[in-house]
Amino acid sequence: MDSRTEDLLALLGERVRELRLREDIAQTVLAARSGVSLKAVKNIENGTGATVASLLRVLRTLGRTEWIDTLGPKVGISPMQMLARKKERMRATRKKSEVKHV
């Protein structure tokens, strides 16, 4: 794992720990309520990693499912993609033989 990934895991773990302490929940209680092992909670908080499923269960128990939205926001079309996209045709092109001269 590169140092940037390790830094992000540590930061995420600190935030989970701060939230748990603010809610005055022991690690063992959080693990039991979340349906994960105590080791999984400790790994999340220490930044040493855990499964995505364990992280999601812990976040749900702590009432922070909105954190998931910040990790994977809905993907939209960027302004550059919109410019590069061809415009949709609104009409069929007339052939010269179909045009009547008046």
Foldseek 3Di string as FASTA:
>chain_A
DDPVLLVVLQVQLCVLVVLCVVVPHDLCRLCVQLVHDSVQNVCSNRSVDDDPSSVCSSCVSSVNNVVVCVVPPDDDQDPVNVVVDDDDDPDDDDDPVPDDDD
